[in-house]
């Protein structure tokens, strides 16, 4: 929706069909947002409110708002958009309301100190709450995942360089079998504690962190909150930055 162009104009005084109005509103928001103009989301939401009132039986205006909420990167903007969607008539728009509630719960999860406890495959007790004051990477991976295998040397290098300064890694594996997991861990001599999900994609921790692809990275600051996600290309830079903020 956001990438569509305006359709041809209408005759003077003629109200545009809903689809054309939504395309125009979406394009205007995208241009304002990319230009960094303040109030872009507020203007969009006002337009959507107007279209929603003019077309009370239609879900398309609210689908545009959901589309925008998913597209923007700023969590405050996401929360504002999803909060409005939650207030929709749940009988008329059950799917949108349900999705918005789930997204708000996820955003709330990302802003609170992470709670995660388990006994690692080598017997170590892991409790993220006890690692407050350190920078922690929660790393979802598998030996069958080429990017995970390719990036292991870099991750290991960052771990070796900054572990003594307060950098910890916690691995969550979604290997297809425990034998594959054990063989890979032994061959790579993985030093950090790991959890093996017996039901990949449906495991408790995979669901807690809403993991839908791997490698998936959550970098926690010294307060235990998520400071960055998927820092594959600039992991060392982010680790240094977060370690410096502890001082």
C-alpha atoms as a PDB file:
ATOM      1  CA  UNK A   1       0.000   0.000   0.000  1.00  0.00           C
ATOM      2  CA  UNK A   2       2.727   2.450   0.917  1.00  0.00           C
ATOM      3  CA  UNK A   3       4.561   1.967  -2.344  1.00  0.00           C
ATOM      4  CA  UNK A   4       1.577   2.496  -4.660  1.00  0.00           C
ATOM      5  CA  UNK A   5       1.224   5.558  -6.885  1.00  0.00           C
ATOM      6  CA  UNK A   6      -1.751   7.882  -7.173  1.00  0.00           C
ATOM      7  CA  UNK A   7      -4.450   6.890  -9.630  1.00  0.00           C
ATOM      8  CA  UNK A   8      -5.729   9.400 -12.220  1.00  0.00           C
ATOM      9  CA  UNK A   9      -7.674  12.399 -10.878  1.00  0.00           C
ATOM     10  CA  UNK A  10     -11.459  12.689 -10.645  1.00  0.00           C
ATOM     11  CA  UNK A  11     -13.945  15.184 -11.991  1.00  0.00           C
ATOM     12  CA  UNK A  12     -14.293  18.415 -10.043  1.00  0.00           C
ATOM     13  CA  UNK A  13     -16.392  17.981  -6.899  1.00  0.00           C
ATOM     14  CA  UNK A  14     -16.407  14.182  -7.115  1.00  0.00           C
ATOM     15  CA  UNK A  15     -15.392  12.279  -4.001  1.00  0.00           C
ATOM     16  CA  UNK A  16     -12.608   9.776  -4.704  1.00  0.00           C
ATOM     17  CA  UNK A  17     -13.328   6.078  -4.149  1.00  0.00           C
ATOM     18  CA  UNK A  18     -11.945   4.625  -0.938  1.00  0.00           C
ATOM     19  CA  UNK A  19      -9.098   2.787  -2.671  1.00  0.00           C
ATOM     20  CA  UNK A  20      -7.831   5.933  -4.345  1.00  0.00           C
ATOM     21  CA  UNK A  21      -8.072   7.891  -1.091  1.00  0.00           C
ATOM     22  CA  UNK A  22      -6.057   5.249   0.734  1.00  0.00           C
ATOM     23  CA  UNK A  23      -3.383   5.204  -1.957  1.00  0.00           C
ATOM     24  CA  UNK A  24      -3.081   8.984  -1.740  1.00  0.00           C
ATOM     25  CA  UNK A  25      -2.927   8.942   2.070  1.00  0.00           C
ATOM     26  CA  UNK A  26      -0.353   6.150   2.060  1.00  0.00           C
ATOM     27  CA  UNK A  27       1.844   7.897  -0.472  1.00  0.00           C
ATOM     28  CA  UNK A  28       1.683  11.205   1.409  1.00  0.00           C
ATOM     29  CA  UNK A  29       2.712   9.493   4.634  1.00  0.00           C
ATOM     30  CA  UNK A  30       5.593   7.639   3.002  1.00  0.00           C
ATOM     31  CA  UNK A  31       6.971  10.836   1.488  1.00  0.00           C
ATOM     32  CA  UNK A  32       6.630  12.757   4.781  1.00  0.00           C
ATOM     33  CA  UNK A  33       8.159   9.900   6.763  1.00  0.00           C
ATOM     34  CA  UNK A  34      11.124   9.476   4.442  1.00  0.00           C
ATOM     35  CA  UNK A  35      11.677  13.255   4.500  1.00  0.00           C
ATOM     36  CA  UNK A  36      11.760  13.152   8.308  1.00  0.00           C
ATOM     37  CA  UNK A  37       8.832  15.525   8.711  1.00  0.00           C
ATOM     38  CA  UNK A  38       7.413  15.707  12.230  1.00  0.00           C
ATOM     39  CA  UNK A  39       3.811  14.673  12.799  1.00  0.00           C
ATOM     40  CA  UNK A  40       3.678  12.380   9.747  1.00  0.00           C
ATOM     41  CA  UNK A  41       2.028   9.551  11.675  1.00  0.00           C
ATOM     42  CA  UNK A  42      -0.449  11.881  13.392  1.00  0.00           C
ATOM     43  CA  UNK A  43      -1.529  13.270  10.027  1.00  0.00           C
ATOM     44  CA  UNK A  44      -1.915   9.777   8.637  1.00  0.00           C
ATOM     45  CA  UNK A  45      -4.005   8.650  11.607  1.00  0.00           C
ATOM     46  CA  UNK A  46      -6.271  11.693  11.298  1.00  0.00           C
ATOM     47  CA  UNK A  47      -6.865  10.877   7.629  1.00  0.00           C
ATOM     48  CA  UNK A  48      -7.577   7.249   8.459  1.00  0.00           C
ATOM     49  CA  UNK A  49     -10.000   8.263  11.209  1.00  0.00           C
ATOM     50  CA  UNK A  50     -11.868  10.388   8.684  1.00  0.00           C
ATOM     51  CA  UNK A  51     -11.978   7.601   6.109  1.00  0.00           C
ATOM     52  CA  UNK A  52     -13.002   5.095   8.748  1.00  0.00           C
ATOM     53  CA  UNK A  53     -15.932   7.268   9.780  1.00  0.00           C
ATOM     54  CA  UNK A  54     -16.953   7.795   6.154  1.00  0.00           C
ATOM     55  CA  UNK A  55     -16.796   4.051   5.459  1.00  0.00           C
ATOM     56  CA  UNK A  56     -17.752   2.392   8.774  1.00  0.00           C
ATOM     57  CA  UNK A  57     -18.325  -1.042   7.226  1.00  0.00           C
ATOM     58  CA  UNK A  58     -14.920  -1.149   5.538  1.00  0.00           C
ATOM     59  CA  UNK A  59     -11.735  -2.513   7.082  1.00  0.00           C
ATOM     60  CA  UNK A  60      -9.381  -1.116   4.437  1.00  0.00           C
ATOM     61  CA  UNK A  61      -8.587   2.164   6.278  1.00  0.00           C
ATOM     62  CA  UNK A  62      -7.544   0.207   9.359  1.00  0.00           C
ATOM     63  CA  UNK A  63      -5.591  -2.289   7.277  1.00  0.00           C
ATOM     64  CA  UNK A  64      -3.558   0.661   6.004  1.00  0.00           C
ATOM     65  CA  UNK A  65      -2.820   1.691   9.596  1.00  0.00           C
ATOM     66  CA  UNK A  66      -1.747  -1.877  10.419  1.00  0.00           C
ATOM     67  CA  UNK A  67       0.434  -1.862   7.310  1.00  0.00           C
ATOM     68  CA  UNK A  68       2.080   1.362   8.468  1.00  0.00           C
ATOM     69  CA  UNK A  69       2.543   0.081  12.021  1.00  0.00           C
ATOM     70  CA  UNK A  70       4.385  -2.948  10.666  1.00  0.00           C
ATOM     71  CA  UNK A  71       6.464  -0.821   8.276  1.00  0.00           C
ATOM     72  CA  UNK A  72       7.775   1.916  10.577  1.00  0.00           C
ATOM     73  CA  UNK A  73      10.901   1.194  12.622  1.00  0.00           C
ATOM     74  CA  UNK A  74      10.251   3.457  15.599  1.00  0.00           C
ATOM     75  CA  UNK A  75       8.642   1.471  18.424  1.00  0.00           C
ATOM     76  CA  UNK A  76       6.857   4.559  19.775  1.00  0.00           C
ATOM     77  CA  UNK A  77       5.130   5.010  16.407  1.00  0.00           C
ATOM     78  CA  UNK A  78       4.302   1.327  16.271  1.00  0.00           C
ATOM     79  CA  UNK A  79       2.746   1.496  19.723  1.00  0.00           C
ATOM     80  CA  UNK A  80       0.663   4.551  18.847  1.00  0.00           C
ATOM     81  CA  UNK A  81      -0.734   2.891  15.718  1.00  0.00           C
ATOM     82  CA  UNK A  82      -1.449  -0.460  17.357  1.00  0.00           C
ATOM     83  CA  UNK A  83      -3.059   1.243  20.352  1.00  0.00           C
ATOM     84  CA  UNK A  84      -5.568   2.857  17.992  1.00  0.00           C
ATOM     85  CA  UNK A  85      -6.277  -0.479  16.318  1.00  0.00           C
ATOM     86  CA  UNK A  86      -6.993  -2.101  19.669  1.00  0.00           C
ATOM     87  CA  UNK A  87      -9.854   0.376  20.158  1.00  0.00           C
ATOM     88  CA  UNK A  88     -11.667  -0.830  17.028  1.00  0.00           C
ATOM     89  CA  UNK A  89     -14.952  -2.688  17.296  1.00  0.00           C
ATOM     90  CA  UNK A  90     -13.757  -6.222  18.030  1.00  0.00           C
ATOM     91  CA  UNK A  91     -16.886  -7.768  16.514  1.00  0.00           C
ATOM     92  CA  UNK A  92     -16.447  -5.922  13.235  1.00  0.00           C
ATOM     93  CA  UNK A  93     -12.642  -6.189  13.045  1.00  0.00           C
ATOM     94  CA  UNK A  94     -11.671  -9.218  15.187  1.00  0.00           C
ATOM     95  CA  UNK A  95      -8.474 -10.093  13.292  1.00  0.00           C
ATOM     96  CA  UNK A  96      -7.082  -6.570  13.377  1.00  0.00           C
ATOM     97  CA  UNK A  97      -7.846  -6.156  17.077  1.00  0.00           C
ATOM     98  CA  UNK A  98      -6.267  -9.524  17.902  1.00  0.00           C
ATOM     99  CA  UNK A  99      -3.140  -8.726  15.889  1.00  0.00           C
ATOM    100  CA  UNK A 100      -2.814  -5.268  17.456  1.00  0.00           C
ATOM    101  CA  UNK A 101      -3.034  -6.729  20.973  1.00  0.00           C
ATOM    102  CA  UNK A 102      -0.343  -9.269  20.143  1.00  0.00           C
ATOM    103  CA  UNK A 103       1.938  -6.582  18.727  1.00  0.00           C
ATOM    104  CA  UNK A 104       1.462  -4.334  21.764  1.00  0.00           C
ATOM    105  CA  UNK A 105       2.332  -7.264  24.025  1.00  0.00           C
ATOM    106  CA  UNK A 106       5.488  -7.838  21.975  1.00  0.00           C
ATOM    107  CA  UNK A 107       6.513  -4.188  22.163  1.00  0.00           C
ATOM    108  CA  UNK A 108       5.939  -4.293  25.912  1.00  0.00           C
ATOM    109  CA  UNK A 109       8.144  -7.401  26.132  1.00  0.00           C
ATOM    110  CA  UNK A 110      10.951  -5.585  24.320  1.00  0.00           C
ATOM    111  CA  UNK A 111      10.916  -2.651  26.750  1.00  0.00           C
ATOM    112  CA  UNK A 112      11.074  -4.663  29.988  1.00  0.00           C
ATOM    113  CA  UNK A 113      14.056  -6.498  31.498  1.00  0.00           C
ATOM    114  CA  UNK A 114      14.185  -9.944  29.926  1.00  0.00           C
ATOM    115  CA  UNK A 115      13.400 -12.921  32.128  1.00  0.00           C
ATOM    116  CA  UNK A 116      14.951 -16.186  30.968  1.00  0.00           C
ATOM    117  CA  UNK A 117      16.033 -19.198  33.027  1.00  0.00           C
ATOM    118  CA  UNK A 118      17.113 -22.698  32.044  1.00  0.00           C
ATOM    119  CA  UNK A 119      19.730 -25.366  32.650  1.00  0.00           C
ATOM    120  CA  UNK A 120      22.108 -25.457  29.712  1.00  0.00           C
ATOM    121  CA  UNK A 121      22.982 -28.632  27.861  1.00  0.00           C
ATOM    122  CA  UNK A 122      26.299 -28.831  29.738  1.00  0.00           C
ATOM    123  CA  UNK A 123      24.610 -28.437  33.126  1.00  0.00           C
ATOM    124  CA  UNK A 124      25.198 -24.747  33.779  1.00  0.00           C
ATOM    125  CA  UNK A 125      22.386 -22.784  35.392  1.00  0.00           C
ATOM    126  CA  UNK A 126      21.404 -19.794  33.263  1.00  0.00           C
ATOM    127  CA  UNK A 127      19.418 -16.888  34.687  1.00  0.00           C
ATOM    128  CA  UNK A 128      19.493 -13.683  32.664  1.00  0.00           C
ATOM    129  CA  UNK A 129      18.314 -11.720  35.713  1.00  0.00           C
ATOM    130  CA  UNK A 130      21.605 -12.612  37.422  1.00  0.00           C
ATOM    131  CA  UNK A 131      23.531 -11.150  34.491  1.00  0.00           C
ATOM    132  CA  UNK A 132      22.287  -7.603  35.070  1.00  0.00           C
ATOM    133  CA  UNK A 133      25.234  -5.253  34.734  1.00  0.00           C
ATOM    134  CA  UNK A 134      26.595  -7.219  31.779  1.00  0.00           C
ATOM    135  CA  UNK A 135      25.917  -7.054  28.052  1.00  0.00           C
ATOM    136  CA  UNK A 136      24.202 -10.252  26.931  1.00  0.00           C
ATOM    137  CA  UNK A 137      23.600 -11.642  23.465  1.00  0.00           C
ATOM    138  CA  UNK A 138      20.763 -14.145  23.123  1.00  0.00           C
ATOM    139  CA  UNK A 139      21.607 -15.966  19.918  1.00  0.00           C
ATOM    140  CA  UNK A 140      19.149 -18.257  18.093  1.00  0.00           C
ATOM    141  CA  UNK A 141      20.877 -20.559  15.640  1.00  0.00           C
ATOM    142  CA  UNK A 142      21.267 -24.089  14.243  1.00  0.00           C
ATOM    143  CA  UNK A 143      24.007 -26.132  12.615  1.00  0.00           C
ATOM    144  CA  UNK A 144      21.867 -26.618   9.485  1.00  0.00           C
ATOM    145  CA  UNK A 145      21.677 -22.825   8.986  1.00  0.00           C
ATOM    146  CA  UNK A 146      24.489 -21.650   6.607  1.00  0.00           C
ATOM    147  CA  UNK A 147      24.579 -18.030   7.884  1.00  0.00           C
ATOM    148  CA  UNK A 148      24.838 -19.296  11.468  1.00  0.00           C
ATOM    149  CA  UNK A 149      27.788 -21.507  10.585  1.00  0.00           C
ATOM    150  CA  UNK A 150      29.468 -18.796   8.515  1.00  0.00           C
ATOM    151  CA  UNK A 151      29.132 -16.188  11.244  1.00  0.00           C
ATOM    152  CA  UNK A 152      30.298 -18.360  14.128  1.00  0.00           C
ATOM    153  CA  UNK A 153      33.998 -17.344  13.797  1.00  0.00           C
ATOM    154  CA  UNK A 154      33.062 -13.657  14.020  1.00  0.00           C
ATOM    155  CA  UNK A 155      30.781 -14.225  17.009  1.00  0.00           C
ATOM    156  CA  UNK A 156      33.435 -16.315  18.740  1.00  0.00           C
ATOM    157  CA  UNK A 157      36.022 -13.606  18.088  1.00  0.00           C
ATOM    158  CA  UNK A 158      33.808 -10.909  19.642  1.00  0.00           C
ATOM    159  CA  UNK A 159      33.096 -13.180  22.606  1.00  0.00           C
ATOM    160  CA  UNK A 160      36.804 -13.901  23.186  1.00  0.00           C
ATOM    161  CA  UNK A 161      37.667 -10.205  22.923  1.00  0.00           C
ATOM    162  CA  UNK A 162      35.009  -8.823  25.263  1.00  0.00           C
ATOM    163  CA  UNK A 163      34.007 -11.642  27.584  1.00  0.00           C
ATOM    164  CA  UNK A 164      36.340 -10.497  30.348  1.00  0.00           C
ATOM    165  CA  UNK A 165      34.886  -6.985  30.044  1.00  0.00           C
ATOM    166  CA  UNK A 166      31.366  -8.240  30.720  1.00  0.00           C
ATOM    167  CA  UNK A 167      30.024  -9.660  27.448  1.00  0.00           C
ATOM    168  CA  UNK A 168      28.043 -12.894  27.644  1.00  0.00           C
ATOM    169  CA  UNK A 169      26.472 -15.072  24.965  1.00  0.00           C
ATOM    170  CA  UNK A 170      23.536 -17.429  25.443  1.00  0.00           C
ATOM    171  CA  UNK A 171      22.828 -19.828  22.589  1.00  0.00           C
ATOM    172  CA  UNK A 172      19.413 -21.238  21.723  1.00  0.00           C
ATOM    173  CA  UNK A 173      19.625 -24.043  19.177  1.00  0.00           C
ATOM    174  CA  UNK A 174      16.898 -25.295  16.876  1.00  0.00           C
ATOM    175  CA  UNK A 175      18.910 -28.202  15.463  1.00  0.00           C
ATOM    176  CA  UNK A 176      16.824 -31.015  14.025  1.00  0.00           C
ATOM    177  CA  UNK A 177      18.234 -33.620  16.410  1.00  0.00           C
ATOM    178  CA  UNK A 178      20.108 -33.560  19.688  1.00  0.00           C
ATOM    179  CA  UNK A 179      22.865 -35.635  18.067  1.00  0.00           C
ATOM    180  CA  UNK A 180      23.435 -32.952  15.421  1.00  0.00           C
ATOM    181  CA  UNK A 181      23.491 -30.291  18.104  1.00  0.00           C
ATOM    182  CA  UNK A 182      25.999 -32.203  20.249  1.00  0.00           C
ATOM    183  CA  UNK A 183      28.284 -32.964  17.300  1.00  0.00           C
ATOM    184  CA  UNK A 184      28.333 -29.358  16.122  1.00  0.00           C
ATOM    185  CA  UNK A 185      28.857 -27.935  19.626  1.00  0.00           C
ATOM    186  CA  UNK A 186      31.750 -30.311  20.271  1.00  0.00           C
ATOM    187  CA  UNK A 187      33.356 -29.696  16.881  1.00  0.00           C
ATOM    188  CA  UNK A 188      33.165 -25.914  17.240  1.00  0.00           C
ATOM    189  CA  UNK A 189      34.064 -25.979  20.948  1.00  0.00           C
ATOM    190  CA  UNK A 190      31.278 -23.521  21.738  1.00  0.00           C
ATOM    191  CA  UNK A 191      32.166 -21.965  25.104  1.00  0.00           C
ATOM    192  CA  UNK A 192      28.895 -20.291  26.097  1.00  0.00           C
ATOM    193  CA  UNK A 193      25.857 -22.003  27.650  1.00  0.00           C
ATOM    194  CA  UNK A 194      23.249 -23.294  25.239  1.00  0.00           C
ATOM    195  CA  UNK A 195      19.659 -24.473  25.283  1.00  0.00           C
ATOM    196  CA  UNK A 196      18.454 -27.103  22.833  1.00  0.00           C
ATOM    197  CA  UNK A 197      14.854 -26.659  21.712  1.00  0.00           C
ATOM    198  CA  UNK A 198      13.356 -30.131  21.347  1.00  0.00           C
ATOM    199  CA  UNK A 199      10.508 -28.702  19.239  1.00  0.00           C
ATOM    200  CA  UNK A 200      12.122 -26.208  16.842  1.00  0.00           C
ATOM    201  CA  UNK A 201       9.934 -23.159  16.118  1.00  0.00           C
ATOM    202  CA  UNK A 202       7.441 -24.374  18.706  1.00  0.00           C
ATOM    203  CA  UNK A 203       9.791 -24.415  21.683  1.00  0.00           C
ATOM    204  CA  UNK A 204       9.143 -22.356  24.807  1.00  0.00           C
ATOM    205  CA  UNK A 205      12.017 -19.929  24.299  1.00  0.00           C
ATOM    206  CA  UNK A 206      11.512 -19.675  20.541  1.00  0.00           C
ATOM    207  CA  UNK A 207       7.915 -18.642  21.194  1.00  0.00           C
ATOM    208  CA  UNK A 208       8.858 -16.289  24.034  1.00  0.00           C
ATOM    209  CA  UNK A 209      11.130 -14.371  21.648  1.00  0.00           C
ATOM    210  CA  UNK A 210       8.816 -14.804  18.661  1.00  0.00           C
ATOM    211  CA  UNK A 211      11.602 -16.307  16.553  1.00  0.00           C
ATOM    212  CA  UNK A 212      10.500 -16.835  12.957  1.00  0.00           C
ATOM    213  CA  UNK A 213      13.914 -17.040  11.310  1.00  0.00           C
ATOM    214  CA  UNK A 214      17.517 -17.692  12.238  1.00  0.00           C
ATOM    215  CA  UNK A 215      20.069 -16.443  12.962  1.00  0.00           C
ATOM    216  CA  UNK A 216      18.083 -14.204  15.297  1.00  0.00           C
ATOM    217  CA  UNK A 217      19.933 -11.947  17.739  1.00  0.00           C
ATOM    218  CA  UNK A 218      18.783 -10.010  20.791  1.00  0.00           C
ATOM    219  CA  UNK A 219      21.437  -7.835  22.406  1.00  0.00           C
ATOM    220  CA  UNK A 220      20.632  -6.847  25.990  1.00  0.00           C
ATOM    221  CA  UNK A 221      22.099  -3.846  27.789  1.00  0.00           C
ATOM    222  CA  UNK A 222      23.254  -3.809  31.416  1.00  0.00           C
ATOM    223  CA  UNK A 223      19.641  -3.365  32.605  1.00  0.00           C
ATOM    224  CA  UNK A 224      18.568  -6.566  30.867  1.00  0.00           C
ATOM    225  CA  UNK A 225      16.487  -4.777  28.224  1.00  0.00           C
ATOM    226  CA  UNK A 226      16.720  -5.362  24.485  1.00  0.00           C
ATOM    227  CA  UNK A 227      19.020  -2.656  23.133  1.00  0.00           C
ATOM    228  CA  UNK A 228      19.365  -3.982  19.582  1.00  0.00           C
ATOM    229  CA  UNK A 229      18.144  -6.796  17.368  1.00  0.00           C
ATOM    230  CA  UNK A 230      19.854  -8.713  14.578  1.00  0.00           C
ATOM    231  CA  UNK A 231      23.177  -6.910  14.918  1.00  0.00           C
ATOM    232  CA  UNK A 232      24.882  -9.320  12.552  1.00  0.00           C
ATOM    233  CA  UNK A 233      26.867  -6.734  10.620  1.00  0.00           C
ATOM    234  CA  UNK A 234      27.841  -4.475  13.510  1.00  0.00           C
ATOM    235  CA  UNK A 235      27.885  -6.780  16.530  1.00  0.00           C
ATOM    236  CA  UNK A 236      31.303  -5.753  17.811  1.00  0.00           C
ATOM    237  CA  UNK A 237      30.478  -2.060  17.465  1.00  0.00           C
ATOM    238  CA  UNK A 238      27.224  -2.458  19.422  1.00  0.00           C
ATOM    239  CA  UNK A 239      28.886  -4.568  22.109  1.00  0.00           C
ATOM    240  CA  UNK A 240      31.596  -1.945  22.618  1.00  0.00           C
ATOM    241  CA  UNK A 241      28.972   0.795  22.738  1.00  0.00           C
ATOM    242  CA  UNK A 242      26.873  -1.004  25.357  1.00  0.00           C
ATOM    243  CA  UNK A 243      29.886  -1.955  27.471  1.00  0.00           C
ATOM    244  CA  UNK A 244      30.960   1.707  27.490  1.00  0.00           C
ATOM    245  CA  UNK A 245      27.527   2.803  28.718  1.00  0.00           C
ATOM    246  CA  UNK A 246      27.946   0.721  31.873  1.00  0.00           C
ATOM    247  CA  UNK A 247      30.762   2.930  33.083  1.00  0.00           C
END
